[in-house]
Structures are given as structure tokens and as C-alpha cells.
Amino acid sequence: MNEETLLKRLRVRDPEAFRYLFETTSDKLYRVAVGLLRDEAEAEGVVQDTFLRLFEKLDQFEGRSKVSTWLYRVAYNLA
């Protein structure tokens, strides 16, 4: 799925778009969080919180980067 289509579908709360984004980014988000926290359980929480933040704040995403880049920054900040 290209970035423009993904963002449009995320903005209308398409569950398949959220599923696609989760499936394509969650492993890397987890590895980033584990690398920073050195705690697997905490890292899982960071991944969950990152996607919750996406759902809550998607309307604030300005599109100056890829959605995945934004997610990695959110995960980094949460960790």
C-alpha cells in the first residue's frame, strides 16, 4: 500500500489500514523499544502505547514524513 493511500485510509479509521501498519511496523518498533529499555515487557507496552497514540493523534499528523517514521519517533519518545 502506498503512503498516500495508507494515510487516507487511516484518517477514515479503516481497520485494514491499521492492521497493515501494525503488521509492517510493530516488529521494528518493538526492537527499538527493547534496545532503549532493555526490558521486553516494557517494550511491548511502548508498542501498544505507540499505536494508541496513533489512533488518538492521527488528526495532528502533518504528513511531513512517512507515518512509519512518525511512529518510530513516538515509540522512541515513549521509551
N, C-alpha and C. Protein backbone atom coordinates (compact mmCIF):
# COMPACT_ATOMS: atom_id res chain seq x y z
N MET A 1 0.85 -1.17 0.00
CA MET A 1 0.00 0.00 0.00
C MET A 1 0.90 1.24 0.00
N ASN A 2 0.61 2.19 -0.87
CA ASN A 2 1.46 3.38 -0.89
C ASN A 2 1.08 4.32 0.26
N GLU A 3 1.97 5.24 0.55
CA GLU A 3 1.84 6.11 1.72
C GLU A 3 0.58 6.98 1.67
N GLU A 4 0.28 7.53 0.51
CA GLU A 4 -0.89 8.39 0.38
C GLU A 4 -2.18 7.61 0.65
N THR A 5 -2.28 6.44 0.07
CA THR A 5 -3.46 5.60 0.29
C THR A 5 -3.56 5.18 1.75
N LEU A 6 -2.45 4.79 2.32
CA LEU A 6 -2.44 4.39 3.73
C LEU A 6 -2.94 5.52 4.60
N LEU A 7 -2.43 6.71 4.41
CA LEU A 7 -2.82 7.84 5.24
C LEU A 7 -4.31 8.16 5.08
N LYS A 8 -4.80 8.14 3.86
CA LYS A 8 -6.23 8.39 3.62
C LYS A 8 -7.08 7.36 4.35
N ARG A 9 -6.68 6.11 4.27
CA ARG A 9 -7.45 5.04 4.91
C ARG A 9 -7.35 5.12 6.43
N LEU A 10 -6.18 5.48 6.95
CA LEU A 10 -6.04 5.65 8.40
C LEU A 10 -6.94 6.78 8.90
N ARG A 11 -7.00 7.85 8.16
CA ARG A 11 -7.79 9.02 8.58
C ARG A 11 -9.29 8.72 8.65
N VAL A 12 -9.76 7.76 7.87
CA VAL A 12 -11.17 7.37 7.95
C VAL A 12 -11.36 6.15 8.85
N ARG A 13 -10.30 5.83 9.60
CA ARG A 13 -10.33 4.76 10.61
C ARG A 13 -10.59 3.38 10.01
N ASP A 14 -10.02 3.14 8.84
CA ASP A 14 -10.14 1.85 8.18
C ASP A 14 -9.35 0.80 8.98
N PRO A 15 -10.03 -0.21 9.54
CA PRO A 15 -9.33 -1.21 10.34
C PRO A 15 -8.25 -1.96 9.57
N GLU A 16 -8.45 -2.18 8.29
CA GLU A 16 -7.45 -2.88 7.49
C GLU A 16 -6.17 -2.05 7.35
N ALA A 17 -6.31 -0.74 7.28
CA ALA A 17 -5.13 0.13 7.20
C ALA A 17 -4.35 0.08 8.51
N PHE A 18 -5.05 0.09 9.63
CA PHE A 18 -4.38 -0.03 10.92
C PHE A 18 -3.69 -1.39 11.04
N ARG A 19 -4.36 -2.43 10.59
CA ARG A 19 -3.78 -3.77 10.64
C ARG A 19 -2.52 -3.83 9.78
N TYR A 20 -2.60 -3.29 8.59
CA TYR A 20 -1.44 -3.27 7.69
C TYR A 20 -0.27 -2.53 8.34
N LEU A 21 -0.54 -1.37 8.90
CA LEU A 21 0.53 -0.59 9.53
C LEU A 21 1.13 -1.34 10.71
N PHE A 22 0.28 -1.97 11.51
CA PHE A 22 0.77 -2.74 12.64
C PHE A 22 1.66 -3.89 12.17
N GLU A 23 1.20 -4.62 11.17
CA GLU A 23 1.95 -5.77 10.67
C GLU A 23 3.28 -5.38 10.05
N THR A 24 3.36 -4.19 9.49
CA THR A 24 4.59 -3.78 8.81
C THR A 24 5.55 -2.99 9.69
N THR A 25 5.11 -2.57 10.87
CA THR A 25 5.99 -1.74 11.71
C THR A 25 6.19 -2.24 13.13
N SER A 26 5.32 -3.09 13.62
CA SER A 26 5.37 -3.44 15.05
C SER A 26 6.66 -4.14 15.46
N ASP A 27 7.21 -5.00 14.61
CA ASP A 27 8.46 -5.68 14.97
C ASP A 27 9.61 -4.69 15.15
N LYS A 28 9.71 -3.75 14.23
CA LYS A 28 10.79 -2.76 14.33
C LYS A 28 10.56 -1.84 15.53
N LEU A 29 9.32 -1.45 15.76
CA LEU A 29 9.02 -0.62 16.93
C LEU A 29 9.42 -1.34 18.21
N TYR A 30 9.13 -2.62 18.26
CA TYR A 30 9.48 -3.43 19.43
C TYR A 30 11.00 -3.48 19.62
N ARG A 31 11.72 -3.71 18.53
CA ARG A 31 13.19 -3.76 18.63
C ARG A 31 13.77 -2.43 19.08
N VAL A 32 13.22 -1.33 18.59
CA VAL A 32 13.67 -0.01 19.02
C VAL A 32 13.44 0.15 20.52
N ALA A 33 12.25 -0.21 20.98
CA ALA A 33 11.91 -0.07 22.40
C ALA A 33 12.76 -0.97 23.28
N VAL A 34 12.97 -2.22 22.87
CA VAL A 34 13.82 -3.13 23.65
C VAL A 34 15.25 -2.59 23.72
N GLY A 35 15.72 -2.07 22.61
CA GLY A 35 17.07 -1.52 22.59
C GLY A 35 17.25 -0.36 23.56
N LEU A 36 16.21 0.43 23.70
CA LEU A 36 16.29 1.58 24.61
C LEU A 36 16.02 1.19 26.06
N LEU A 37 15.07 0.30 26.26
CA LEU A 37 14.62 -0.02 27.62
C LEU A 37 15.30 -1.23 28.24
N ARG A 38 15.75 -2.15 27.39
CA ARG A 38 16.33 -3.41 27.87
C ARG A 38 15.35 -4.21 28.71
N ASP A 39 14.08 -4.09 28.38
CA ASP A 39 13.02 -4.79 29.11
C ASP A 39 11.91 -5.14 28.11
N GLU A 40 11.72 -6.44 27.87
CA GLU A 40 10.76 -6.87 26.85
C GLU A 40 9.33 -6.50 27.19
N ALA A 41 8.93 -6.65 28.45
CA ALA A 41 7.55 -6.33 28.83
C ALA A 41 7.28 -4.84 28.66
N GLU A 42 8.23 -4.02 29.08
CA GLU A 42 8.08 -2.57 28.91
C GLU A 42 8.03 -2.21 27.42
N ALA A 43 8.84 -2.89 26.63
CA ALA A 43 8.87 -2.63 25.19
C ALA A 43 7.52 -2.96 24.55
N GLU A 44 6.90 -4.05 24.97
CA GLU A 44 5.57 -4.39 24.46
C GLU A 44 4.57 -3.29 24.79
N GLY A 45 4.67 -2.76 26.00
CA GLY A 45 3.80 -1.65 26.40
C GLY A 45 4.02 -0.41 25.55
N VAL A 46 5.27 -0.15 25.22
CA VAL A 46 5.58 1.00 24.37
C VAL A 46 4.96 0.83 22.99
N VAL A 47 5.03 -0.37 22.44
CA VAL A 47 4.42 -0.62 21.12
C VAL A 47 2.91 -0.39 21.20
N GLN A 48 2.27 -0.92 22.22
CA GLN A 48 0.83 -0.71 22.38
C GLN A 48 0.50 0.77 22.52
N ASP A 49 1.27 1.46 23.36
CA ASP A 49 1.03 2.89 23.57
C ASP A 49 1.28 3.70 22.31
N THR A 50 2.24 3.26 21.50
CA THR A 50 2.53 3.96 20.25
C THR A 50 1.33 3.89 19.31
N PHE A 51 0.73 2.71 19.19
CA PHE A 51 -0.43 2.59 18.30
C PHE A 51 -1.66 3.28 18.88
N LEU A 52 -1.78 3.29 20.18
CA LEU A 52 -2.86 4.04 20.81
C LEU A 52 -2.70 5.52 20.51
N ARG A 53 -1.48 6.01 20.62
CA ARG A 53 -1.19 7.41 20.31
C ARG A 53 -1.51 7.72 18.85
N LEU A 54 -1.17 6.81 17.96
CA LEU A 54 -1.51 6.99 16.54
C LEU A 54 -3.01 7.17 16.38
N PHE A 55 -3.77 6.31 17.00
CA PHE A 55 -5.23 6.36 16.88
C PHE A 55 -5.76 7.68 17.44
N GLU A 56 -5.22 8.11 18.56
CA GLU A 56 -5.70 9.33 19.22
C GLU A 56 -5.26 10.61 18.53
N LYS A 57 -4.08 10.62 17.95
CA LYS A 57 -3.48 11.87 17.45
C LYS A 57 -3.30 11.92 15.94
N LEU A 58 -3.90 11.00 15.22
CA LEU A 58 -3.70 10.95 13.78
C LEU A 58 -4.08 12.27 13.11
N ASP A 59 -5.10 12.94 13.62
CA ASP A 59 -5.52 14.20 13.01
C ASP A 59 -4.44 15.28 13.12
N GLN A 60 -3.48 15.11 14.02
CA GLN A 60 -2.39 16.07 14.18
C GLN A 60 -1.19 15.76 13.29
N PHE A 61 -1.21 14.59 12.66
CA PHE A 61 -0.10 14.22 11.77
C PHE A 61 -0.14 15.12 10.55
N GLU A 62 0.96 15.81 10.29
CA GLU A 62 1.01 16.80 9.21
C GLU A 62 1.48 16.24 7.88
N GLY A 63 1.97 15.02 7.87
CA GLY A 63 2.37 14.41 6.62
C GLY A 63 3.72 14.85 6.09
N ARG A 64 4.56 15.43 6.95
CA ARG A 64 5.89 15.86 6.50
C ARG A 64 6.88 14.70 6.46
N SER A 65 6.45 13.55 6.94
CA SER A 65 7.27 12.34 6.90
C SER A 65 6.33 11.17 6.67
N LYS A 66 6.89 9.99 6.54
CA LYS A 66 6.06 8.80 6.45
C LYS A 66 5.38 8.55 7.79
N VAL A 67 4.24 7.91 7.76
CA VAL A 67 3.55 7.55 9.00
C VAL A 67 4.46 6.66 9.84
N SER A 68 5.16 5.74 9.22
CA SER A 68 6.04 4.84 9.97
C SER A 68 7.15 5.62 10.67
N THR A 69 7.69 6.64 10.03
CA THR A 69 8.72 7.47 10.65
C THR A 69 8.17 8.17 11.88
N TRP A 70 6.97 8.67 11.76
CA TRP A 70 6.30 9.32 12.88
C TRP A 70 6.11 8.32 14.03
N LEU A 71 5.70 7.10 13.70
CA LEU A 71 5.52 6.07 14.74
C LEU A 71 6.83 5.76 15.44
N TYR A 72 7.92 5.65 14.70
CA TYR A 72 9.21 5.35 15.33
C TYR A 72 9.60 6.47 16.29
N ARG A 73 9.33 7.71 15.93
CA ARG A 73 9.64 8.83 16.81
C ARG A 73 8.77 8.78 18.07
N VAL A 74 7.50 8.46 17.91
CA VAL A 74 6.61 8.33 19.07
C VAL A 74 7.12 7.23 19.99
N ALA A 75 7.47 6.09 19.43
CA ALA A 75 7.98 4.97 20.24
C ALA A 75 9.26 5.37 20.96
N TYR A 76 10.14 6.04 20.26
CA TYR A 76 11.39 6.48 20.87
C TYR A 76 11.11 7.41 22.04
N ASN A 77 10.21 8.35 21.84
CA ASN A 77 9.87 9.30 22.91
C ASN A 77 9.20 8.61 24.09
N LEU A 78 8.35 7.64 23.82
CA LEU A 78 7.68 6.92 24.90
C LEU A 78 8.65 6.05 25.69
N ALA A 79 9.62 5.49 24.98
CA ALA A 79 10.61 4.63 25.65
C ALA A 79 11.52 5.47 26.51
